[in-house]
N, C-alpha and C. Protein backbone atom coordinates (compact mmCIF):
# COMPACT_ATOMS: atom_id res chain seq x y z
N GLY A 1 173.74 324.07 -169.93
CA GLY A 1 174.30 325.26 -169.96
C GLY A 1 174.29 325.88 -168.19
N LEU A 2 172.92 325.63 -167.55
CA LEU A 2 172.84 326.13 -166.25
C LEU A 2 173.91 325.33 -165.55
N LEU A 3 174.00 323.80 -165.62
CA LEU A 3 174.53 323.03 -164.70
C LEU A 3 175.59 323.54 -164.85
N GLU A 4 176.49 323.67 -166.02
CA GLU A 4 178.07 323.93 -166.22
C GLU A 4 177.93 325.10 -165.17
N PHE A 5 177.42 326.28 -165.56
CA PHE A 5 177.70 327.35 -164.10
C PHE A 5 178.02 327.09 -162.82
N ARG A 6 176.72 326.12 -162.64
CA ARG A 6 176.95 325.81 -160.99
C ARG A 6 177.95 324.68 -160.53
N ALA A 7 178.05 323.89 -161.34
CA ALA A 7 178.95 322.32 -161.27
C ALA A 7 180.33 322.62 -161.97
N GLY A 8 180.15 323.28 -163.09
CA GLY A 8 180.82 322.81 -163.92
C GLY A 8 182.15 324.23 -164.32
N SER A 9 182.36 324.27 -165.37
CA SER A 9 182.87 325.33 -165.94
C SER A 9 182.32 326.36 -166.60
N ALA A 10 182.27 327.94 -166.09
CA ALA A 10 181.72 328.71 -166.46
C ALA A 10 181.51 329.13 -168.15
N GLU A 11 183.06 328.91 -168.23
CA GLU A 11 183.21 329.31 -169.73
C GLU A 11 182.57 328.04 -170.93
N ARG A 12 182.29 326.88 -170.24
CA ARG A 12 182.04 325.87 -171.16
C ARG A 12 180.26 326.58 -171.24
N ALA A 13 179.79 326.84 -170.00
CA ALA A 13 178.26 327.19 -169.73
C ALA A 13 178.04 328.20 -170.81
N ARG A 14 178.98 329.29 -170.76
CA ARG A 14 179.29 330.34 -172.19
C ARG A 14 179.07 329.86 -173.34
N VAL A 15 180.06 329.28 -173.35
CA VAL A 15 179.77 328.57 -174.88
C VAL A 15 178.43 327.91 -175.59
N MET A 16 177.90 327.11 -174.34
CA MET A 16 176.79 326.68 -174.91
C MET A 16 175.72 327.60 -175.07
N LEU A 17 175.48 328.25 -174.22
CA LEU A 17 174.39 329.71 -174.27
C LEU A 17 174.82 330.20 -175.43
N GLU A 18 176.00 330.78 -175.51
CA GLU A 18 176.32 331.53 -176.84
C GLU A 18 175.87 330.76 -178.19
N GLY A 19 176.00 329.52 -178.33
CA GLY A 19 175.42 328.81 -179.26
C GLY A 19 173.90 328.91 -179.61
N ILE A 20 173.36 328.57 -178.46
CA ILE A 20 171.47 328.49 -178.37
C ILE A 20 171.37 329.74 -178.84
N LEU A 21 171.79 331.05 -178.40
CA LEU A 21 171.39 332.64 -178.79
C LEU A 21 172.19 332.46 -180.48
N LYS A 22 173.08 332.03 -180.54
CA LYS A 22 173.37 332.08 -181.91
C LYS A 22 172.16 331.87 -183.14
N SER A 23 171.75 330.46 -182.50
CA SER A 23 170.55 330.04 -182.96
C SER A 23 169.36 330.45 -183.09
N TYR A 24 169.05 331.21 -181.74
CA TYR A 24 167.85 331.77 -181.74
C TYR A 24 168.08 333.18 -181.07
N PRO A 25 168.26 334.18 -182.04
CA PRO A 25 168.69 335.15 -181.36
C PRO A 25 167.41 336.07 -181.00
N ARG A 26 166.29 335.84 -181.07
CA ARG A 26 165.07 336.83 -180.79
C ARG A 26 164.79 336.06 -179.60
N ARG A 27 165.11 334.93 -178.70
CA ARG A 27 164.37 334.42 -177.86
C ARG A 27 165.31 335.18 -176.72
N THR A 28 164.57 336.53 -175.89
CA THR A 28 164.80 336.65 -174.99
C THR A 28 164.84 336.04 -173.46
N ASP A 29 163.84 334.93 -173.68
CA ASP A 29 163.83 334.12 -172.47
C ASP A 29 165.11 333.36 -172.45
N VAL A 30 165.88 332.83 -173.26
CA VAL A 30 167.14 332.58 -173.38
C VAL A 30 168.12 333.40 -172.77
N MET A 31 167.77 334.43 -173.65
CA MET A 31 169.02 335.65 -172.90
C MET A 31 168.86 336.02 -171.29
N SER A 32 167.48 336.14 -170.97
CA SER A 32 167.28 336.26 -169.40
C SER A 32 167.86 334.99 -168.83
N VAL A 33 167.65 333.71 -169.34
CA VAL A 33 168.49 333.09 -168.35
C VAL A 33 169.59 332.94 -168.17
N TYR A 34 170.50 333.34 -169.51
CA TYR A 34 171.66 333.64 -169.53
C TYR A 34 172.37 334.76 -168.57
N LEU A 35 171.77 336.09 -168.69
CA LEU A 35 172.08 336.73 -167.77
C LEU A 35 171.70 336.81 -166.11
N ASP A 36 170.82 335.88 -166.08
CA ASP A 36 170.55 335.24 -164.73
C ASP A 36 171.67 334.60 -164.14
N ALA A 37 172.19 333.90 -164.81
CA ALA A 37 173.41 332.73 -164.80
C ALA A 37 175.00 333.27 -164.39
N GLU A 38 174.98 335.05 -165.40
CA GLU A 38 176.18 335.71 -165.38
C GLU A 38 176.25 336.11 -163.75
N ILE A 39 175.10 337.04 -163.49
CA ILE A 39 174.65 337.96 -162.31
C ILE A 39 174.95 336.65 -161.02
N LYS A 40 174.19 335.85 -161.19
CA LYS A 40 174.34 334.72 -160.13
C LYS A 40 175.89 333.93 -159.88
N HIS A 41 176.84 333.70 -161.19
CA HIS A 41 178.04 333.60 -161.07
C HIS A 41 179.11 334.75 -160.55
N GLY A 42 178.55 335.88 -160.13
CA GLY A 42 179.04 337.03 -159.64
C GLY A 42 179.93 337.88 -160.66
N ASP A 43 179.81 337.86 -161.75
CA ASP A 43 180.95 338.43 -162.92
C ASP A 43 180.34 339.61 -163.40
N GLU A 44 180.28 340.73 -162.93
CA GLU A 44 179.30 342.07 -163.05
C GLU A 44 180.04 342.51 -164.41
N ASP A 45 181.38 342.26 -164.29
CA ASP A 45 181.58 343.11 -166.18
C ASP A 45 180.87 342.06 -167.09
N SER A 46 181.12 340.57 -167.00
CA SER A 46 180.28 339.76 -167.85
C SER A 46 179.07 340.13 -168.01
N ALA A 47 178.37 340.31 -166.92
CA ALA A 47 176.64 340.75 -166.82
C ALA A 47 176.68 342.04 -167.83
N ARG A 48 177.76 342.80 -167.27
CA ARG A 48 177.20 344.10 -168.16
C ARG A 48 177.39 344.07 -169.61
N ALA A 49 178.44 343.20 -169.98
CA ALA A 49 178.72 343.26 -171.66
C ALA A 49 177.39 342.63 -172.03
N LEU A 50 177.04 341.24 -171.31
CA LEU A 50 176.02 340.62 -172.07
C LEU A 50 174.87 341.83 -172.03
N PHE A 51 174.30 342.65 -171.14
CA PHE A 51 173.26 343.37 -171.05
C PHE A 51 173.72 344.42 -172.39
N GLU A 52 174.69 344.90 -172.39
CA GLU A 52 175.11 345.80 -173.59
C GLU A 52 174.64 345.03 -175.07
N ARG A 53 175.31 343.94 -174.67
CA ARG A 53 174.94 343.13 -176.30
C ARG A 53 173.86 343.08 -176.28
N ALA A 54 172.54 342.76 -175.21
CA ALA A 54 171.23 342.13 -175.75
C ALA A 54 170.47 343.23 -176.10
N THR A 55 170.77 344.55 -175.38
CA THR A 55 169.88 345.84 -175.73
C THR A 55 170.34 346.11 -177.05
N ARG A 56 171.41 345.85 -177.58
CA ARG A 56 171.77 346.92 -178.80
C ARG A 56 171.25 345.71 -179.92
N GLY A 57 170.57 344.84 -179.59
CA GLY A 57 169.99 344.07 -180.78
C GLY A 57 168.86 344.63 -181.83
N GLU A 58 168.78 344.59 -183.12
CA GLU A 58 168.12 345.04 -183.76
C GLU A 58 167.00 344.13 -183.85
N HIS A 59 166.71 343.29 -183.65
CA HIS A 59 165.67 342.44 -183.93
C HIS A 59 164.66 342.25 -182.15
N LEU A 60 165.14 343.32 -181.53
CA LEU A 60 164.14 343.48 -180.20
C LEU A 60 162.95 344.36 -180.89
N THR A 61 162.28 343.72 -180.12
CA THR A 61 160.84 344.62 -180.31
C THR A 61 160.95 345.46 -179.15
N ALA A 62 159.37 346.70 -179.18
CA ALA A 62 159.75 347.50 -178.09
C ALA A 62 159.78 346.91 -176.38
N ARG A 63 158.88 346.08 -176.37
CA ARG A 63 158.67 345.33 -175.46
C ARG A 63 159.79 344.64 -174.94
N GLN A 64 160.22 343.87 -176.04
CA GLN A 64 161.68 343.06 -175.34
C GLN A 64 162.56 343.94 -174.85
N ALA A 65 162.67 345.12 -175.65
CA ALA A 65 164.07 345.97 -175.17
C ALA A 65 163.60 346.82 -174.01
N LYS A 66 162.15 346.79 -173.51
CA LYS A 66 162.00 347.57 -172.12
C LYS A 66 162.31 346.53 -171.38
N PHE A 67 161.84 345.49 -171.43
CA PHE A 67 162.47 344.50 -170.50
C PHE A 67 163.90 344.38 -169.79
N LEU A 68 164.37 344.16 -170.92
CA LEU A 68 165.99 343.93 -170.69
C LEU A 68 166.45 344.98 -169.90
N PHE A 69 166.27 346.50 -170.56
CA PHE A 69 166.40 347.59 -170.16
C PHE A 69 166.02 347.63 -168.54
N LYS A 70 165.11 347.35 -167.96
CA LYS A 70 164.59 347.47 -166.99
C LYS A 70 165.13 346.41 -166.08
N ARG A 71 165.73 345.10 -166.77
CA ARG A 71 166.52 344.10 -165.78
C ARG A 71 167.75 344.82 -165.48
N TRP A 72 168.55 345.49 -166.75
CA TRP A 72 169.74 346.17 -166.11
C TRP A 72 169.88 347.10 -165.70
N LEU A 73 168.75 347.91 -165.52
CA LEU A 73 168.66 349.14 -164.34
C LEU A 73 168.84 348.02 -162.83
N GLU A 74 167.60 347.34 -162.58
CA GLU A 74 167.60 346.65 -161.71
C GLU A 74 169.07 346.21 -160.78
N PHE A 75 169.52 345.46 -162.06
CA PHE A 75 170.66 345.28 -162.06
C PHE A 75 171.92 346.06 -161.26
N GLU A 76 171.96 347.16 -161.89
CA GLU A 76 173.03 348.36 -161.71
C GLU A 76 172.85 348.71 -160.17
N ARG A 77 171.72 349.04 -160.05
CA ARG A 77 170.92 349.71 -158.97
C ARG A 77 171.05 348.96 -157.66
N LYS A 78 171.62 347.64 -157.64
CA LYS A 78 171.63 346.48 -157.08
C LYS A 78 173.53 346.98 -156.47
N VAL A 79 174.12 346.55 -157.81
CA VAL A 79 175.78 346.17 -157.42
C VAL A 79 176.76 347.67 -157.87
N ASP A 80 175.54 348.87 -158.25
CA ASP A 80 176.53 349.92 -158.57
C ASP A 80 176.65 350.98 -157.42
N GLU A 81 177.39 351.31 -156.36
CA GLU A 81 177.04 352.24 -155.50
C GLU A 81 177.30 353.53 -155.89
N SER A 82 177.99 353.88 -156.86
CA SER A 82 178.66 355.16 -157.63
C SER A 82 177.16 356.19 -158.41
N GLY A 83 176.49 355.06 -158.83
CA GLY A 83 175.44 355.48 -159.68
C GLY A 83 175.66 355.90 -161.08
N ALA A 84 177.19 355.48 -161.51
CA ALA A 84 177.53 355.74 -162.89
C ALA A 84 176.74 354.52 -164.08
N GLY A 85 176.63 353.61 -163.46
CA GLY A 85 176.31 352.16 -164.13
C GLY A 85 174.58 352.46 -164.25
N VAL A 86 174.17 353.21 -163.28
CA VAL A 86 172.27 353.73 -163.26
C VAL A 86 172.33 354.39 -164.80
N GLU A 87 172.84 355.50 -164.51
CA GLU A 87 173.11 356.52 -165.69
C GLU A 87 173.31 356.33 -166.60
N HIS A 88 174.13 355.21 -166.97
CA HIS A 88 174.50 354.68 -167.99
C HIS A 88 173.40 353.97 -168.99
N VAL A 89 172.90 353.12 -168.33
CA VAL A 89 171.63 352.79 -168.59
C VAL A 89 170.73 353.53 -168.84
N LYS A 90 170.46 354.44 -168.14
CA LYS A 90 169.61 355.46 -168.69
C LYS A 90 169.78 356.31 -170.00
N ALA A 91 171.00 356.50 -170.29
CA ALA A 91 171.38 357.16 -171.60
C ALA A 91 171.44 356.00 -172.73
N SER A 92 171.69 354.99 -172.24
CA SER A 92 171.63 353.88 -173.49
C SER A 92 170.08 353.79 -173.69
N ALA A 93 169.05 353.61 -173.20
CA ALA A 93 168.02 353.40 -173.03
C ALA A 93 167.34 354.48 -174.14
N GLN A 94 167.96 355.63 -174.15
CA GLN A 94 167.32 356.89 -175.20
C GLN A 94 167.42 356.53 -176.48
């Protein structure tokens, strides 16, 4: 999946990673790799949508949710100059 992001089709990589997540929805390590790839690919909207989806999972433990929200907050602090994204993450976390 990651090689597809780097050298091939980002869409094909997304399909592959989505398939893995469908089979293993509780694997936050897979989600984290997918998030890293989206962020490195430079598609902020796709990364935000993936963060939204990842943090809404009912299967998350408190520890997993905290990890994902922390990653999302760090991402927003880097890319969002208005501060609206940071506020959205904080509101979503509550």
